[in-house]
């Protein structure tokens, strides 16, 4: 996925809008 590739390549990702949102909710 795009998030996976972003993390692997050291780019800013959507983690706050995915698993991060799950944690906060």
PDBML (XML) file of the C-alpha atoms, coordinates in Angstrom:
<?xml version="1.0" encoding="UTF-8" ?>
<PDBx:datablock datablockName="MODEL"
   xmlns:PDBx="http://pdbml.pdb.org/schema/pdbx-v50.xsd"
   xmlns:xsi="http://www.w3.org/2001/XMLSchema-instance"
   xsi:schemaLocation="http://pdbml.pdb.org/schema/pdbx-v50.xsd pdbx-v50.xsd">
   <PDBx:atom_siteCategory>
      <PDBx:atom_site id="1">
         <PDBx:B_iso_or_equiv>0.00</PDBx:B_iso_or_equiv>
         <PDBx:Cartn_x>0.000</PDBx:Cartn_x>
         <PDBx:Cartn_y>0.000</PDBx:Cartn_y>
         <PDBx:Cartn_z>0.000</PDBx:Cartn_z>
         <PDBx:auth_asym_id>A</PDBx:auth_asym_id>
         <PDBx:auth_atom_id>CA</PDBx:auth_atom_id>
         <PDBx:auth_comp_id>UNK</PDBx:auth_comp_id>
         <PDBx:auth_seq_id>1</PDBx:auth_seq_id>
         <PDBx:group_PDB>ATOM</PDBx:group_PDB>
         <PDBx:label_alt_id xsi:nil="true" />
         <PDBx:label_asym_id>A</PDBx:label_asym_id>
         <PDBx:label_atom_id>CA</PDBx:label_atom_id>
         <PDBx:label_comp_id>UNK</PDBx:label_comp_id>
         <PDBx:label_entity_id>1</PDBx:label_entity_id>
         <PDBx:label_seq_id>1</PDBx:label_seq_id>
         <PDBx:occupancy>1.00</PDBx:occupancy>
         <PDBx:pdbx_PDB_model_num>1</PDBx:pdbx_PDB_model_num>
         <PDBx:type_symbol>C</PDBx:type_symbol>
      </PDBx:atom_site>
      <PDBx:atom_site id="2">
         <PDBx:B_iso_or_equiv>0.00</PDBx:B_iso_or_equiv>
         <PDBx:Cartn_x>1.008</PDBx:Cartn_x>
         <PDBx:Cartn_y>3.643</PDBx:Cartn_y>
         <PDBx:Cartn_z>-0.271</PDBx:Cartn_z>
         <PDBx:auth_asym_id>A</PDBx:auth_asym_id>
         <PDBx:auth_atom_id>CA</PDBx:auth_atom_id>
         <PDBx:auth_comp_id>UNK</PDBx:auth_comp_id>
         <PDBx:auth_seq_id>2</PDBx:auth_seq_id>
         <PDBx:group_PDB>ATOM</PDBx:group_PDB>
         <PDBx:label_alt_id xsi:nil="true" />
         <PDBx:label_asym_id>A</PDBx:label_asym_id>
         <PDBx:label_atom_id>CA</PDBx:label_atom_id>
         <PDBx:label_comp_id>UNK</PDBx:label_comp_id>
         <PDBx:label_entity_id>1</PDBx:label_entity_id>
         <PDBx:label_seq_id>2</PDBx:label_seq_id>
         <PDBx:occupancy>1.00</PDBx:occupancy>
         <PDBx:pdbx_PDB_model_num>1</PDBx:pdbx_PDB_model_num>
         <PDBx:type_symbol>C</PDBx:type_symbol>
      </PDBx:atom_site>
      <PDBx:atom_site id="3">
         <PDBx:B_iso_or_equiv>0.00</PDBx:B_iso_or_equiv>
         <PDBx:Cartn_x>1.439</PDBx:Cartn_x>
         <PDBx:Cartn_y>3.992</PDBx:Cartn_y>
         <PDBx:Cartn_z>3.510</PDBx:Cartn_z>
         <PDBx:auth_asym_id>A</PDBx:auth_asym_id>
         <PDBx:auth_atom_id>CA</PDBx:auth_atom_id>
         <PDBx:auth_comp_id>UNK</PDBx:auth_comp_id>
         <PDBx:auth_seq_id>3</PDBx:auth_seq_id>
         <PDBx:group_PDB>ATOM</PDBx:group_PDB>
         <PDBx:label_alt_id xsi:nil="true" />
         <PDBx:label_asym_id>A</PDBx:label_asym_id>
         <PDBx:label_atom_id>CA</PDBx:label_atom_id>
         <PDBx:label_comp_id>UNK</PDBx:label_comp_id>
         <PDBx:label_entity_id>1</PDBx:label_entity_id>
         <PDBx:label_seq_id>3</PDBx:label_seq_id>
         <PDBx:occupancy>1.00</PDBx:occupancy>
         <PDBx:pdbx_PDB_model_num>1</PDBx:pdbx_PDB_model_num>
         <PDBx:type_symbol>C</PDBx:type_symbol>
      </PDBx:atom_site>
      <PDBx:atom_site id="4">
         <PDBx:B_iso_or_equiv>0.00</PDBx:B_iso_or_equiv>
         <PDBx:Cartn_x>3.613</PDBx:Cartn_x>
         <PDBx:Cartn_y>0.882</PDBx:Cartn_y>
         <PDBx:Cartn_z>3.603</PDBx:Cartn_z>
         <PDBx:auth_asym_id>A</PDBx:auth_asym_id>
         <PDBx:auth_atom_id>CA</PDBx:auth_atom_id>
         <PDBx:auth_comp_id>UNK</PDBx:auth_comp_id>
         <PDBx:auth_seq_id>4</PDBx:auth_seq_id>
         <PDBx:group_PDB>ATOM</PDBx:group_PDB>
         <PDBx:label_alt_id xsi:nil="true" />
         <PDBx:label_asym_id>A</PDBx:label_asym_id>
         <PDBx:label_atom_id>CA</PDBx:label_atom_id>
         <PDBx:label_comp_id>UNK</PDBx:label_comp_id>
         <PDBx:label_entity_id>1</PDBx:label_entity_id>
         <PDBx:label_seq_id>4</PDBx:label_seq_id>
         <PDBx:occupancy>1.00</PDBx:occupancy>
         <PDBx:pdbx_PDB_model_num>1</PDBx:pdbx_PDB_model_num>
         <PDBx:type_symbol>C</PDBx:type_symbol>
      </PDBx:atom_site>
      <PDBx:atom_site id="5">
         <PDBx:B_iso_or_equiv>0.00</PDBx:B_iso_or_equiv>
         <PDBx:Cartn_x>5.854</PDBx:Cartn_x>
         <PDBx:Cartn_y>2.211</PDBx:Cartn_y>
         <PDBx:Cartn_z>0.838</PDBx:Cartn_z>
         <PDBx:auth_asym_id>A</PDBx:auth_asym_id>
         <PDBx:auth_atom_id>CA</PDBx:auth_atom_id>
         <PDBx:auth_comp_id>UNK</PDBx:auth_comp_id>
         <PDBx:auth_seq_id>5</PDBx:auth_seq_id>
         <PDBx:group_PDB>ATOM</PDBx:group_PDB>
         <PDBx:label_alt_id xsi:nil="true" />
         <PDBx:label_asym_id>A</PDBx:label_asym_id>
         <PDBx:label_atom_id>CA</PDBx:label_atom_id>
         <PDBx:label_comp_id>UNK</PDBx:label_comp_id>
         <PDBx:label_entity_id>1</PDBx:label_entity_id>
         <PDBx:label_seq_id>5</PDBx:label_seq_id>
         <PDBx:occupancy>1.00</PDBx:occupancy>
         <PDBx:pdbx_PDB_model_num>1</PDBx:pdbx_PDB_model_num>
         <PDBx:type_symbol>C</PDBx:type_symbol>
      </PDBx:atom_site>
      <PDBx:atom_site id="6">
         <PDBx:B_iso_or_equiv>0.00</PDBx:B_iso_or_equiv>
         <PDBx:Cartn_x>6.035</PDBx:Cartn_x>
         <PDBx:Cartn_y>5.666</PDBx:Cartn_y>
         <PDBx:Cartn_z>2.437</PDBx:Cartn_z>
         <PDBx:auth_asym_id>A</PDBx:auth_asym_id>
         <PDBx:auth_atom_id>CA</PDBx:auth_atom_id>
         <PDBx:auth_comp_id>UNK</PDBx:auth_comp_id>
         <PDBx:auth_seq_id>6</PDBx:auth_seq_id>
         <PDBx:group_PDB>ATOM</PDBx:group_PDB>
         <PDBx:label_alt_id xsi:nil="true" />
         <PDBx:label_asym_id>A</PDBx:label_asym_id>
         <PDBx:label_atom_id>CA</PDBx:label_atom_id>
         <PDBx:label_comp_id>UNK</PDBx:label_comp_id>
         <PDBx:label_entity_id>1</PDBx:label_entity_id>
         <PDBx:label_seq_id>6</PDBx:label_seq_id>
         <PDBx:occupancy>1.00</PDBx:occupancy>
         <PDBx:pdbx_PDB_model_num>1</PDBx:pdbx_PDB_model_num>
         <PDBx:type_symbol>C</PDBx:type_symbol>
      </PDBx:atom_site>
      <PDBx:atom_site id="7">
         <PDBx:B_iso_or_equiv>0.00</PDBx:B_iso_or_equiv>
         <PDBx:Cartn_x>7.213</PDBx:Cartn_x>
         <PDBx:Cartn_y>4.194</PDBx:Cartn_y>
         <PDBx:Cartn_z>5.753</PDBx:Cartn_z>
         <PDBx:auth_asym_id>A</PDBx:auth_asym_id>
         <PDBx:auth_atom_id>CA</PDBx:auth_atom_id>
         <PDBx:auth_comp_id>UNK</PDBx:auth_comp_id>
         <PDBx:auth_seq_id>7</PDBx:auth_seq_id>
         <PDBx:group_PDB>ATOM</PDBx:group_PDB>
         <PDBx:label_alt_id xsi:nil="true" />
         <PDBx:label_asym_id>A</PDBx:label_asym_id>
         <PDBx:label_atom_id>CA</PDBx:label_atom_id>
         <PDBx:label_comp_id>UNK</PDBx:label_comp_id>
         <PDBx:label_entity_id>1</PDBx:label_entity_id>
         <PDBx:label_seq_id>7</PDBx:label_seq_id>
         <PDBx:occupancy>1.00</PDBx:occupancy>
         <PDBx:pdbx_PDB_model_num>1</PDBx:pdbx_PDB_model_num>
         <PDBx:type_symbol>C</PDBx:type_symbol>
      </PDBx:atom_site>
      <PDBx:atom_site id="8">
         <PDBx:B_iso_or_equiv>0.00</PDBx:B_iso_or_equiv>
         <PDBx:Cartn_x>9.768</PDBx:Cartn_x>
         <PDBx:Cartn_y>1.935</PDBx:Cartn_y>
         <PDBx:Cartn_z>4.076</PDBx:Cartn_z>
         <PDBx:auth_asym_id>A</PDBx:auth_asym_id>
         <PDBx:auth_atom_id>CA</PDBx:auth_atom_id>
         <PDBx:auth_comp_id>UNK</PDBx:auth_comp_id>
         <PDBx:auth_seq_id>8</PDBx:auth_seq_id>
         <PDBx:group_PDB>ATOM</PDBx:group_PDB>
         <PDBx:label_alt_id xsi:nil="true" />
         <PDBx:label_asym_id>A</PDBx:label_asym_id>
         <PDBx:label_atom_id>CA</PDBx:label_atom_id>
         <PDBx:label_comp_id>UNK</PDBx:label_comp_id>
         <PDBx:label_entity_id>1</PDBx:label_entity_id>
         <PDBx:label_seq_id>8</PDBx:label_seq_id>
         <PDBx:occupancy>1.00</PDBx:occupancy>
         <PDBx:pdbx_PDB_model_num>1</PDBx:pdbx_PDB_model_num>
         <PDBx:type_symbol>C</PDBx:type_symbol>
      </PDBx:atom_site>
      <PDBx:atom_site id="9">
         <PDBx:B_iso_or_equiv>0.00</PDBx:B_iso_or_equiv>
         <PDBx:Cartn_x>11.166</PDBx:Cartn_x>
         <PDBx:Cartn_y>4.837</PDBx:Cartn_y>
         <PDBx:Cartn_z>2.064</PDBx:Cartn_z>
         <PDBx:auth_asym_id>A</PDBx:auth_asym_id>
         <PDBx:auth_atom_id>CA</PDBx:auth_atom_id>
         <PDBx:auth_comp_id>UNK</PDBx:auth_comp_id>
         <PDBx:auth_seq_id>9</PDBx:auth_seq_id>
         <PDBx:group_PDB>ATOM</PDBx:group_PDB>
         <PDBx:label_alt_id xsi:nil="true" />
         <PDBx:label_asym_id>A</PDBx:label_asym_id>
         <PDBx:label_atom_id>CA</PDBx:label_atom_id>
         <PDBx:label_comp_id>UNK</PDBx:label_comp_id>
         <PDBx:label_entity_id>1</PDBx:label_entity_id>
         <PDBx:label_seq_id>9</PDBx:label_seq_id>
         <PDBx:occupancy>1.00</PDBx:occupancy>
         <PDBx:pdbx_PDB_model_num>1</PDBx:pdbx_PDB_model_num>
         <PDBx:type_symbol>C</PDBx:type_symbol>
      </PDBx:atom_site>
      <PDBx:atom_site id="10">
         <PDBx:B_iso_or_equiv>0.00</PDBx:B_iso_or_equiv>
         <PDBx:Cartn_x>11.374</PDBx:Cartn_x>
         <PDBx:Cartn_y>7.235</PDBx:Cartn_y>
         <PDBx:Cartn_z>5.004</PDBx:Cartn_z>
         <PDBx:auth_asym_id>A</PDBx:auth_asym_id>
         <PDBx:auth_atom_id>CA</PDBx:auth_atom_id>
         <PDBx:auth_comp_id>UNK</PDBx:auth_comp_id>
         <PDBx:auth_seq_id>10</PDBx:auth_seq_id>
         <PDBx:group_PDB>ATOM</PDBx:group_PDB>
         <PDBx:label_alt_id xsi:nil="true" />
         <PDBx:label_asym_id>A</PDBx:label_asym_id>
         <PDBx:label_atom_id>CA</PDBx:label_atom_id>
         <PDBx:label_comp_id>UNK</PDBx:label_comp_id>
         <PDBx:label_entity_id>1</PDBx:label_entity_id>
         <PDBx:label_seq_id>10</PDBx:label_seq_id>
         <PDBx:occupancy>1.00</PDBx:occupancy>
         <PDBx:pdbx_PDB_model_num>1</PDBx:pdbx_PDB_model_num>
         <PDBx:type_symbol>C</PDBx:type_symbol>
      </PDBx:atom_site>
      <PDBx:atom_site id="11">
         <PDBx:B_iso_or_equiv>0.00</PDBx:B_iso_or_equiv>
         <PDBx:Cartn_x>8.655</PDBx:Cartn_x>
         <PDBx:Cartn_y>9.586</PDBx:Cartn_y>
         <PDBx:Cartn_z>3.761</PDBx:Cartn_z>
         <PDBx:auth_asym_id>A</PDBx:auth_asym_id>
         <PDBx:auth_atom_id>CA</PDBx:auth_atom_id>
         <PDBx:auth_comp_id>UNK</PDBx:auth_comp_id>
         <PDBx:auth_seq_id>11</PDBx:auth_seq_id>
         <PDBx:group_PDB>ATOM</PDBx:group_PDB>
         <PDBx:label_alt_id xsi:nil="true" />
         <PDBx:label_asym_id>A</PDBx:label_asym_id>
         <PDBx:label_atom_id>CA</PDBx:label_atom_id>
         <PDBx:label_comp_id>UNK</PDBx:label_comp_id>
         <PDBx:label_entity_id>1</PDBx:label_entity_id>
         <PDBx:label_seq_id>11</PDBx:label_seq_id>
         <PDBx:occupancy>1.00</PDBx:occupancy>
         <PDBx:pdbx_PDB_model_num>1</PDBx:pdbx_PDB_model_num>
         <PDBx:type_symbol>C</PDBx:type_symbol>
      </PDBx:atom_site>
      <PDBx:atom_site id="12">
         <PDBx:B_iso_or_equiv>0.00</PDBx:B_iso_or_equiv>
         <PDBx:Cartn_x>5.842</PDBx:Cartn_x>
         <PDBx:Cartn_y>11.182</PDBx:Cartn_y>
         <PDBx:Cartn_z>5.816</PDBx:Cartn_z>
         <PDBx:auth_asym_id>A</PDBx:auth_asym_id>
         <PDBx:auth_atom_id>CA</PDBx:auth_atom_id>
         <PDBx:auth_comp_id>UNK</PDBx:auth_comp_id>
         <PDBx:auth_seq_id>12</PDBx:auth_seq_id>
         <PDBx:group_PDB>ATOM</PDBx:group_PDB>
         <PDBx:label_alt_id xsi:nil="true" />
         <PDBx:label_asym_id>A</PDBx:label_asym_id>
         <PDBx:label_atom_id>CA</PDBx:label_atom_id>
         <PDBx:label_comp_id>UNK</PDBx:label_comp_id>
         <PDBx:label_entity_id>1</PDBx:label_entity_id>
         <PDBx:label_seq_id>12</PDBx:label_seq_id>
         <PDBx:occupancy>1.00</PDBx:occupancy>
         <PDBx:pdbx_PDB_model_num>1</PDBx:pdbx_PDB_model_num>
         <PDBx:type_symbol>C</PDBx:type_symbol>
      </PDBx:atom_site>
      <PDBx:atom_site id="13">
         <PDBx:B_iso_or_equiv>0.00</PDBx:B_iso_or_equiv>
         <PDBx:Cartn_x>2.895</PDBx:Cartn_x>
         <PDBx:Cartn_y>8.785</PDBx:Cartn_y>
         <PDBx:Cartn_z>5.917</PDBx:Cartn_z>
         <PDBx:auth_asym_id>A</PDBx:auth_asym_id>
         <PDBx:auth_atom_id>CA</PDBx:auth_atom_id>
         <PDBx:auth_comp_id>UNK</PDBx:auth_comp_id>
         <PDBx:auth_seq_id>13</PDBx:auth_seq_id>
         <PDBx:group_PDB>ATOM</PDBx:group_PDB>
         <PDBx:label_alt_id xsi:nil="true" />
         <PDBx:label_asym_id>A</PDBx:label_asym_id>
         <PDBx:label_atom_id>CA</PDBx:label_atom_id>
         <PDBx:label_comp_id>UNK</PDBx:label_comp_id>
         <PDBx:label_entity_id>1</PDBx:label_entity_id>
         <PDBx:label_seq_id>13</PDBx:label_seq_id>
         <PDBx:occupancy>1.00</PDBx:occupancy>
         <PDBx:pdbx_PDB_model_num>1</PDBx:pdbx_PDB_model_num>
         <PDBx:type_symbol>C</PDBx:type_symbol>
      </PDBx:atom_site>
      <PDBx:atom_site id="14">
         <PDBx:B_iso_or_equiv>0.00</PDBx:B_iso_or_equiv>
         <PDBx:Cartn_x>-0.803</PDBx:Cartn_x>
         <PDBx:Cartn_y>8.684</PDBx:Cartn_y>
         <PDBx:Cartn_z>6.792</PDBx:Cartn_z>
         <PDBx:auth_asym_id>A</PDBx:auth_asym_id>
         <PDBx:auth_atom_id>CA</PDBx:auth_atom_id>
         <PDBx:auth_comp_id>UNK</PDBx:auth_comp_id>
         <PDBx:auth_seq_id>14</PDBx:auth_seq_id>
         <PDBx:group_PDB>ATOM</PDBx:group_PDB>
         <PDBx:label_alt_id xsi:nil="true" />
         <PDBx:label_asym_id>A</PDBx:label_asym_id>
         <PDBx:label_atom_id>CA</PDBx:label_atom_id>
         <PDBx:label_comp_id>UNK</PDBx:label_comp_id>
         <PDBx:label_entity_id>1</PDBx:label_entity_id>
         <PDBx:label_seq_id>14</PDBx:label_seq_id>
         <PDBx:occupancy>1.00</PDBx:occupancy>
         <PDBx:pdbx_PDB_model_num>1</PDBx:pdbx_PDB_model_num>
         <PDBx:type_symbol>C</PDBx:type_symbol>
      </PDBx:atom_site>
      <PDBx:atom_site id="15">
         <PDBx:B_iso_or_equiv>0.00</PDBx:B_iso_or_equiv>
         <PDBx:Cartn_x>-0.201</PDBx:Cartn_x>
         <PDBx:Cartn_y>6.713</PDBx:Cartn_y>
         <PDBx:Cartn_z>9.998</PDBx:Cartn_z>
         <PDBx:auth_asym_id>A</PDBx:auth_asym_id>
         <PDBx:auth_atom_id>CA</PDBx:auth_atom_id>
         <PDBx:auth_comp_id>UNK</PDBx:auth_comp_id>
         <PDBx:auth_seq_id>15</PDBx:auth_seq_id>
         <PDBx:group_PDB>ATOM</PDBx:group_PDB>
         <PDBx:label_alt_id xsi:nil="true" />
         <PDBx:label_asym_id>A</PDBx:label_asym_id>
         <PDBx:label_atom_id>CA</PDBx:label_atom_id>
         <PDBx:label_comp_id>UNK</PDBx:label_comp_id>
         <PDBx:label_entity_id>1</PDBx:label_entity_id>
         <PDBx:label_seq_id>15</PDBx:label_seq_id>
         <PDBx:occupancy>1.00</PDBx:occupancy>
         <PDBx:pdbx_PDB_model_num>1</PDBx:pdbx_PDB_model_num>
         <PDBx:type_symbol>C</PDBx:type_symbol>
      </PDBx:atom_site>
      <PDBx:atom_site id="16">
         <PDBx:B_iso_or_equiv>0.00</PDBx:B_iso_or_equiv>
         <PDBx:Cartn_x>-2.009</PDBx:Cartn_x>
         <PDBx:Cartn_y>9.324</PDBx:Cartn_y>
         <PDBx:Cartn_z>12.124</PDBx:Cartn_z>
         <PDBx:auth_asym_id>A</PDBx:auth_asym_id>
         <PDBx:auth_atom_id>CA</PDBx:auth_atom_id>
         <PDBx:auth_comp_id>UNK</PDBx:auth_comp_id>
         <PDBx:auth_seq_id>16</PDBx:auth_seq_id>
         <PDBx:group_PDB>ATOM</PDBx:group_PDB>
         <PDBx:label_alt_id xsi:nil="true" />
         <PDBx:label_asym_id>A</PDBx:label_asym_id>
         <PDBx:label_atom_id>CA</PDBx:label_atom_id>
         <PDBx:label_comp_id>UNK</PDBx:label_comp_id>
         <PDBx:label_entity_id>1</PDBx:label_entity_id>
         <PDBx:label_seq_id>16</PDBx:label_seq_id>
         <PDBx:occupancy>1.00</PDBx:occupancy>
         <PDBx:pdbx_PDB_model_num>1</PDBx:pdbx_PDB_model_num>
         <PDBx:type_symbol>C</PDBx:type_symbol>
      </PDBx:atom_site>
      <PDBx:atom_site id="17">
         <PDBx:B_iso_or_equiv>0.00</PDBx:B_iso_or_equiv>
         <PDBx:Cartn_x>-5.059</PDBx:Cartn_x>
         <PDBx:Cartn_y>8.924</PDBx:Cartn_y>
         <PDBx:Cartn_z>9.877</PDBx:Cartn_z>
         <PDBx:auth_asym_id>A</PDBx:auth_asym_id>
         <PDBx:auth_atom_id>CA</PDBx:auth_atom_id>
         <PDBx:auth_comp_id>UNK</PDBx:auth_comp_id>
         <PDBx:auth_seq_id>17</PDBx:auth_seq_id>
         <PDBx:group_PDB>ATOM</PDBx:group_PDB>
         <PDBx:label_alt_id xsi:nil="true" />
         <PDBx:label_asym_id>A</PDBx:label_asym_id>
         <PDBx:label_atom_id>CA</PDBx:label_atom_id>
         <PDBx:label_comp_id>UNK</PDBx:label_comp_id>
         <PDBx:label_entity_id>1</PDBx:label_entity_id>
         <PDBx:label_seq_id>17</PDBx:label_seq_id>
         <PDBx:occupancy>1.00</PDBx:occupancy>
         <PDBx:pdbx_PDB_model_num>1</PDBx:pdbx_PDB_model_num>
         <PDBx:type_symbol>C</PDBx:type_symbol>
      </PDBx:atom_site>
      <PDBx:atom_site id="18">
         <PDBx:B_iso_or_equiv>0.00</PDBx:B_iso_or_equiv>
         <PDBx:Cartn_x>-4.993</PDBx:Cartn_x>
         <PDBx:Cartn_y>5.138</PDBx:Cartn_y>
         <PDBx:Cartn_z>9.980</PDBx:Cartn_z>
         <PDBx:auth_asym_id>A</PDBx:auth_asym_id>
         <PDBx:auth_atom_id>CA</PDBx:auth_atom_id>
         <PDBx:auth_comp_id>UNK</PDBx:auth_comp_id>
         <PDBx:auth_seq_id>18</PDBx:auth_seq_id>
         <PDBx:group_PDB>ATOM</PDBx:group_PDB>
         <PDBx:label_alt_id xsi:nil="true" />
         <PDBx:label_asym_id>A</PDBx:label_asym_id>
         <PDBx:label_atom_id>CA</PDBx:label_atom_id>
         <PDBx:label_comp_id>UNK</PDBx:label_comp_id>
         <PDBx:label_entity_id>1</PDBx:label_entity_id>
         <PDBx:label_seq_id>18</PDBx:label_seq_id>
         <PDBx:occupancy>1.00</PDBx:occupancy>
         <PDBx:pdbx_PDB_model_num>1</PDBx:pdbx_PDB_model_num>
         <PDBx:type_symbol>C</PDBx:type_symbol>
      </PDBx:atom_site>
      <PDBx:atom_site id="19">
         <PDBx:B_iso_or_equiv>0.00</PDBx:B_iso_or_equiv>
         <PDBx:Cartn_x>-3.801</PDBx:Cartn_x>
         <PDBx:Cartn_y>3.179</PDBx:Cartn_y>
         <PDBx:Cartn_z>13.024</PDBx:Cartn_z>
         <PDBx:auth_asym_id>A</PDBx:auth_asym_id>
         <PDBx:auth_atom_id>CA</PDBx:auth_atom_id>
         <PDBx:auth_comp_id>UNK</PDBx:auth_comp_id>
         <PDBx:auth_seq_id>19</PDBx:auth_seq_id>
         <PDBx:group_PDB>ATOM</PDBx:group_PDB>
         <PDBx:label_alt_id xsi:nil="true" />
         <PDBx:label_asym_id>A</PDBx:label_asym_id>
         <PDBx:label_atom_id>CA</PDBx:label_atom_id>
         <PDBx:label_comp_id>UNK</PDBx:label_comp_id>
         <PDBx:label_entity_id>1</PDBx:label_entity_id>
         <PDBx:label_seq_id>19</PDBx:label_seq_id>
         <PDBx:occupancy>1.00</PDBx:occupancy>
         <PDBx:pdbx_PDB_model_num>1</PDBx:pdbx_PDB_model_num>
         <PDBx:type_symbol>C</PDBx:type_symbol>
      </PDBx:atom_site>
      <PDBx:atom_site id="20">
         <PDBx:B_iso_or_equiv>0.00</PDBx:B_iso_or_equiv>
         <PDBx:Cartn_x>-3.233</PDBx:Cartn_x>
         <PDBx:Cartn_y>6.441</PDBx:Cartn_y>
         <PDBx:Cartn_z>14.903</PDBx:Cartn_z>
         <PDBx:auth_asym_id>A</PDBx:auth_asym_id>
         <PDBx:auth_atom_id>CA</PDBx:auth_atom_id>
         <PDBx:auth_comp_id>UNK</PDBx:auth_comp_id>
         <PDBx:auth_seq_id>20</PDBx:auth_seq_id>
         <PDBx:group_PDB>ATOM</PDBx:group_PDB>
         <PDBx:label_alt_id xsi:nil="true" />
         <PDBx:label_asym_id>A</PDBx:label_asym_id>
         <PDBx:label_atom_id>CA</PDBx:label_atom_id>
         <PDBx:label_comp_id>UNK</PDBx:label_comp_id>
         <PDBx:label_entity_id>1</PDBx:label_entity_id>
         <PDBx:label_seq_id>20</PDBx:label_seq_id>
         <PDBx:occupancy>1.00</PDBx:occupancy>
         <PDBx:pdbx_PDB_model_num>1</PDBx:pdbx_PDB_model_num>
         <PDBx:type_symbol>C</PDBx:type_symbol>
      </PDBx:atom_site>
      <PDBx:atom_site id="21">
         <PDBx:B_iso_or_equiv>0.00</PDBx:B_iso_or_equiv>
         <PDBx:Cartn_x>-6.911</PDBx:Cartn_x>
         <PDBx:Cartn_y>7.305</PDBx:Cartn_y>
         <PDBx:Cartn_z>14.525</PDBx:Cartn_z>
         <PDBx:auth_asym_id>A</PDBx:auth_asym_id>
         <PDBx:auth_atom_id>CA</PDBx:auth_atom_id>
         <PDBx:auth_comp_id>UNK</PDBx:auth_comp_id>
         <PDBx:auth_seq_id>21</PDBx:auth_seq_id>
         <PDBx:group_PDB>ATOM</PDBx:group_PDB>
         <PDBx:label_alt_id xsi:nil="true" />
         <PDBx:label_asym_id>A</PDBx:label_asym_id>
         <PDBx:label_atom_id>CA</PDBx:label_atom_id>
         <PDBx:label_comp_id>UNK</PDBx:label_comp_id>
         <PDBx:label_entity_id>1</PDBx:label_entity_id>
         <PDBx:label_seq_id>21</PDBx:label_seq_id>
         <PDBx:occupancy>1.00</PDBx:occupancy>
         <PDBx:pdbx_PDB_model_num>1</PDBx:pdbx_PDB_model_num>
         <PDBx:type_symbol>C</PDBx:type_symbol>
      </PDBx:atom_site>
      <PDBx:atom_site id="22">
         <PDBx:B_iso_or_equiv>0.00</PDBx:B_iso_or_equiv>
         <PDBx:Cartn_x>-7.883</PDBx:Cartn_x>
         <PDBx:Cartn_y>3.844</PDBx:Cartn_y>
         <PDBx:Cartn_z>15.770</PDBx:Cartn_z>
         <PDBx:auth_asym_id>A</PDBx:auth_asym_id>
         <PDBx:auth_atom_id>CA</PDBx:auth_atom_id>
         <PDBx:auth_comp_id>UNK</PDBx:auth_comp_id>
         <PDBx:auth_seq_id>22</PDBx:auth_seq_id>
         <PDBx:group_PDB>ATOM</PDBx:group_PDB>
         <PDBx:label_alt_id xsi:nil="true" />
         <PDBx:label_asym_id>A</PDBx:label_asym_id>
         <PDBx:label_atom_id>CA</PDBx:label_atom_id>
         <PDBx:label_comp_id>UNK</PDBx:label_comp_id>
         <PDBx:label_entity_id>1</PDBx:label_entity_id>
         <PDBx:label_seq_id>22</PDBx:label_seq_id>
         <PDBx:occupancy>1.00</PDBx:occupancy>
         <PDBx:pdbx_PDB_model_num>1</PDBx:pdbx_PDB_model_num>
         <PDBx:type_symbol>C</PDBx:type_symbol>
      </PDBx:atom_site>
      <PDBx:atom_site id="23">
         <PDBx:B_iso_or_equiv>0.00</PDBx:B_iso_or_equiv>
         <PDBx:Cartn_x>-5.763</PDBx:Cartn_x>
         <PDBx:Cartn_y>4.353</PDBx:Cartn_y>
         <PDBx:Cartn_z>18.888</PDBx:Cartn_z>
         <PDBx:auth_asym_id>A</PDBx:auth_asym_id>
         <PDBx:auth_atom_id>CA</PDBx:auth_atom_id>
         <PDBx:auth_comp_id>UNK</PDBx:auth_comp_id>
         <PDBx:auth_seq_id>23</PDBx:auth_seq_id>
         <PDBx:group_PDB>ATOM</PDBx:group_PDB>
         <PDBx:label_alt_id xsi:nil="true" />
         <PDBx:label_asym_id>A</PDBx:label_asym_id>
         <PDBx:label_atom_id>CA</PDBx:label_atom_id>
         <PDBx:label_comp_id>UNK</PDBx:label_comp_id>
         <PDBx:label_entity_id>1</PDBx:label_entity_id>
         <PDBx:label_seq_id>23</PDBx:label_seq_id>
         <PDBx:occupancy>1.00</PDBx:occupancy>
         <PDBx:pdbx_PDB_model_num>1</PDBx:pdbx_PDB_model_num>
         <PDBx:type_symbol>C</PDBx:type_symbol>
      </PDBx:atom_site>
      <PDBx:atom_site id="24">
         <PDBx:B_iso_or_equiv>0.00</PDBx:B_iso_or_equiv>
         <PDBx:Cartn_x>-7.172</PDBx:Cartn_x>
         <PDBx:Cartn_y>7.822</PDBx:Cartn_y>
         <PDBx:Cartn_z>19.595</PDBx:Cartn_z>
         <PDBx:auth_asym_id>A</PDBx:auth_asym_id>
         <PDBx:auth_atom_id>CA</PDBx:auth_atom_id>
         <PDBx:auth_comp_id>UNK</PDBx:auth_comp_id>
         <PDBx:auth_seq_id>24</PDBx:auth_seq_id>
         <PDBx:group_PDB>ATOM</PDBx:group_PDB>
         <PDBx:label_alt_id xsi:nil="true" />
         <PDBx:label_asym_id>A</PDBx:label_asym_id>
         <PDBx:label_atom_id>CA</PDBx:label_atom_id>
         <PDBx:label_comp_id>UNK</PDBx:label_comp_id>
         <PDBx:label_entity_id>1</PDBx:label_entity_id>
         <PDBx:label_seq_id>24</PDBx:label_seq_id>
         <PDBx:occupancy>1.00</PDBx:occupancy>
         <PDBx:pdbx_PDB_model_num>1</PDBx:pdbx_PDB_model_num>
         <PDBx:type_symbol>C</PDBx:type_symbol>
      </PDBx:atom_site>
      <PDBx:atom_site id="25">
         <PDBx:B_iso_or_equiv>0.00</PDBx:B_iso_or_equiv>
         <PDBx:Cartn_x>-10.783</PDBx:Cartn_x>
         <PDBx:Cartn_y>6.745</PDBx:Cartn_y>
         <PDBx:Cartn_z>19.006</PDBx:Cartn_z>
         <PDBx:auth_asym_id>A</PDBx:auth_asym_id>
         <PDBx:auth_atom_id>CA</PDBx:auth_atom_id>
         <PDBx:auth_comp_id>UNK</PDBx:auth_comp_id>
         <PDBx:auth_seq_id>25</PDBx:auth_seq_id>
         <PDBx:group_PDB>ATOM</PDBx:group_PDB>
         <PDBx:label_alt_id xsi:nil="true" />
         <PDBx:label_asym_id>A</PDBx:label_asym_id>
         <PDBx:label_atom_id>CA</PDBx:label_atom_id>
         <PDBx:label_comp_id>UNK</PDBx:label_comp_id>
         <PDBx:label_entity_id>1</PDBx:label_entity_id>
         <PDBx:label_seq_id>25</PDBx:label_seq_id>
         <PDBx:occupancy>1.00</PDBx:occupancy>
         <PDBx:pdbx_PDB_model_num>1</PDBx:pdbx_PDB_model_num>
         <PDBx:type_symbol>C</PDBx:type_symbol>
      </PDBx:atom_site>
   </PDBx:atom_siteCategory>
</PDBx:datablock>
